[in-house]
Amino acid sequence: MERQLTGLLVLALLAGCASPPAPPQLVDQQRYTQDMRAGSAKFSWPDGRNPDLGVLAEKSGPGPDKAPAGSERIVLEITNSCAWYLGWEDARKRGDQTAQTAALKVMDEVLPTFSPEDPDGQRYARETAAKAKAGDGSLAADYVANNCESVLWK
């Protein structure tokens, strides 16, 4: 009986391990930087809020190590959120209703779609947009204070 149970256990384990997930592809700093430059083109950026991608890749990349391919997307999403939150605040300060409306549209329609693997982040983006529409920039300011300090803008 023990032998049969052991055999069944081994078969069950093998069946469960028949298709292990593929390990993530890893990239070096050079490839990470290339991927960041290519990925950046997929985002829209408000006037005056384009990140220095060389500096961003250097600060966020793997350095002498390797990083999972695609990890630059998360950094670009965070940086793009920073750009739009700051762009919205810049437009408010200078009274530019057109730029403010454009930024609110991105904040409301685009930023909440970032990082589908992070529903809490998406909820935060929706709440930030709703508050901003009501004239309350507190969540946007909090996000900027916690995530955007090291971004160098061009």
Protein backbone atom coordinates (compact mmCIF):
# COMPACT_ATOMS: atom_id res chain seq x y z
CA MET A 1 0.00 0.00 0.00
CA GLU A 2 2.79 2.45 0.92
CA ARG A 3 4.47 1.70 -2.37
CA GLN A 4 1.30 2.48 -4.34
CA LEU A 5 0.79 5.76 -2.49
CA THR A 6 4.42 6.71 -3.08
CA GLY A 7 4.04 5.88 -6.77
CA LEU A 8 0.87 7.93 -7.05
CA LEU A 9 2.51 10.82 -5.22
CA VAL A 10 5.48 10.74 -7.59
CA LEU A 11 3.15 10.65 -10.62
CA ALA A 12 1.12 13.56 -9.24
CA LEU A 13 4.26 15.60 -8.62
CA LEU A 14 5.59 14.85 -12.08
CA ALA A 15 2.28 15.78 -13.66
CA GLY A 16 2.28 19.07 -11.79
CA CYS A 17 5.84 19.75 -12.89
CA ALA A 18 5.38 18.71 -16.50
CA SER A 19 5.33 22.29 -17.71
CA PRO A 20 7.28 24.50 -15.35
CA PRO A 21 7.04 28.20 -16.09
CA ALA A 22 9.78 29.47 -18.33
CA PRO A 23 12.38 31.46 -16.45
CA PRO A 24 12.26 35.17 -17.26
CA GLN A 25 14.68 36.40 -19.88
CA LEU A 26 17.35 38.54 -18.27
CA VAL A 27 18.91 41.60 -19.85
CA ASP A 28 22.10 43.51 -19.12
CA GLN A 29 22.36 47.28 -18.63
CA GLN A 30 22.94 47.98 -22.32
CA ARG A 31 19.84 46.05 -23.41
CA TYR A 32 17.82 47.54 -20.54
CA THR A 33 18.75 51.03 -21.75
CA GLN A 34 17.84 50.13 -25.35
CA ASP A 35 14.52 48.69 -24.22
CA MET A 36 13.81 51.79 -22.14
CA ARG A 37 14.46 54.08 -25.11
CA ALA A 38 12.23 51.97 -27.36
CA GLY A 39 9.53 51.66 -24.70
CA SER A 40 9.48 55.38 -24.02
CA ALA A 41 8.23 56.02 -27.54
CA LYS A 42 5.02 54.15 -26.67
CA PHE A 43 4.09 56.80 -24.10
CA SER A 44 2.81 60.32 -24.58
CA TRP A 45 4.58 62.96 -22.52
CA PRO A 46 3.34 66.43 -21.53
CA ASP A 47 5.24 69.44 -22.81
CA GLY A 48 8.35 70.09 -20.76
CA ARG A 49 8.22 66.73 -18.99
CA ASN A 50 10.37 64.37 -21.02
CA PRO A 51 12.66 62.26 -18.85
CA ASP A 52 16.36 62.02 -19.55
CA LEU A 53 16.24 58.36 -20.53
CA GLY A 54 19.99 57.82 -20.19
CA VAL A 55 19.93 58.96 -16.57
CA LEU A 56 16.68 57.09 -15.87
CA ALA A 57 18.06 53.83 -17.29
CA GLU A 58 21.30 54.26 -15.35
CA LYS A 59 19.49 54.88 -12.06
CA SER A 60 16.86 52.17 -12.46
CA GLY A 61 18.73 49.54 -14.46
CA PRO A 62 20.59 46.46 -13.29
CA GLY A 63 24.05 48.01 -13.45
CA PRO A 64 26.61 45.19 -13.56
CA ASP A 65 23.87 42.60 -12.92
CA LYS A 66 20.90 41.54 -15.01
CA ALA A 67 17.24 42.49 -14.81
CA PRO A 68 14.12 40.71 -16.06
CA ALA A 69 13.23 41.74 -19.60
CA GLY A 70 10.31 44.14 -19.50
CA SER A 71 11.13 45.59 -16.10
CA GLU A 72 11.82 48.93 -17.74
CA ARG A 73 8.07 49.14 -18.51
CA ILE A 74 7.26 49.55 -14.82
CA VAL A 75 9.86 52.32 -14.46
CA LEU A 76 8.47 54.06 -17.55
CA GLU A 77 4.90 53.78 -16.22
CA ILE A 78 5.93 55.34 -12.92
CA THR A 79 7.90 58.06 -14.70
CA ASN A 80 5.05 58.76 -17.10
CA SER A 81 2.66 59.10 -14.17
CA CYS A 82 5.10 61.55 -12.60
CA ALA A 83 5.23 63.54 -15.84
CA TRP A 84 1.45 63.85 -16.12
CA TYR A 85 0.89 64.67 -12.45
CA LEU A 86 3.60 67.33 -12.64
CA GLY A 87 2.33 68.51 -16.04
CA TRP A 88 -1.16 68.93 -14.60
CA GLU A 89 0.18 70.91 -11.64
CA ASP A 90 2.38 73.03 -13.94
CA ALA A 91 -0.68 73.84 -16.09
CA ARG A 92 -2.75 74.74 -13.01
CA LYS A 93 -0.05 77.10 -11.75
CA ARG A 94 0.22 78.95 -15.04
CA GLY A 95 -3.56 78.95 -15.67
CA ASP A 96 -3.31 76.93 -18.90
CA GLN A 97 -6.77 75.35 -19.06
CA THR A 98 -6.02 73.51 -22.32
CA ALA A 99 -2.93 71.76 -20.91
CA GLN A 100 -4.72 71.12 -17.63
CA THR A 101 -7.65 69.45 -19.43
CA ALA A 102 -5.29 67.36 -21.55
CA ALA A 103 -3.39 66.21 -18.46
CA LEU A 104 -6.62 65.34 -16.64
CA LYS A 105 -7.73 63.27 -19.62
CA VAL A 106 -4.51 61.21 -19.48
CA MET A 107 -4.72 60.97 -15.69
CA ASP A 108 -8.30 59.70 -15.94
CA GLU A 109 -8.12 57.45 -19.01
CA VAL A 110 -4.51 56.26 -19.37
CA LEU A 111 -2.72 56.13 -16.02
CA PRO A 112 -5.28 53.77 -14.39
CA THR A 113 -4.54 51.21 -17.14
CA PHE A 114 -0.89 50.93 -16.15
CA SER A 115 0.40 47.86 -14.31
CA PRO A 116 -2.56 45.48 -14.59
CA GLU A 117 -0.69 43.26 -12.12
CA ASP A 118 -1.14 46.00 -9.49
CA PRO A 119 -4.86 46.63 -8.86
CA ASP A 120 -4.05 48.81 -5.83
CA GLY A 121 -1.92 51.03 -8.04
CA GLN A 122 -4.71 51.27 -10.58
CA ARG A 123 -7.18 52.19 -7.83
CA TYR A 124 -4.77 54.87 -6.59
CA ALA A 125 -4.50 56.31 -10.11
CA ARG A 126 -8.32 56.43 -10.43
CA GLU A 127 -8.63 58.14 -7.04
CA THR A 128 -5.87 60.61 -7.94
CA ALA A 129 -7.64 61.52 -11.18
CA ALA A 130 -11.01 61.92 -9.44
CA LYS A 131 -9.51 64.22 -6.79
CA ALA A 132 -7.62 66.20 -9.42
CA LYS A 133 -10.83 66.71 -11.41
CA ALA A 134 -12.33 68.17 -8.22
CA GLY A 135 -9.33 70.50 -7.89
CA ASP A 136 -7.57 68.52 -5.16
CA GLY A 137 -3.96 67.78 -6.09
CA SER A 138 -3.01 66.11 -2.79
CA LEU A 139 -2.75 62.52 -4.09
CA ALA A 140 -0.84 63.66 -7.16
CA ALA A 141 1.54 65.61 -4.94
CA ASP A 142 2.01 62.58 -2.67
CA TYR A 143 2.78 60.38 -5.67
CA VAL A 144 5.31 62.88 -6.99
CA ALA A 145 6.97 63.26 -3.60
CA ASN A 146 7.35 59.50 -3.22
CA ASN A 147 8.23 58.45 -6.77
CA CYS A 148 9.61 61.28 -8.87
CA GLU A 149 12.44 62.87 -6.96
CA SER A 150 15.24 61.19 -8.91
CA VAL A 151 13.83 61.83 -12.41
CA LEU A 152 15.80 64.34 -14.44
CA TRP A 153 13.51 66.18 -16.88
CA LYS A 154 14.56 67.58 -20.22
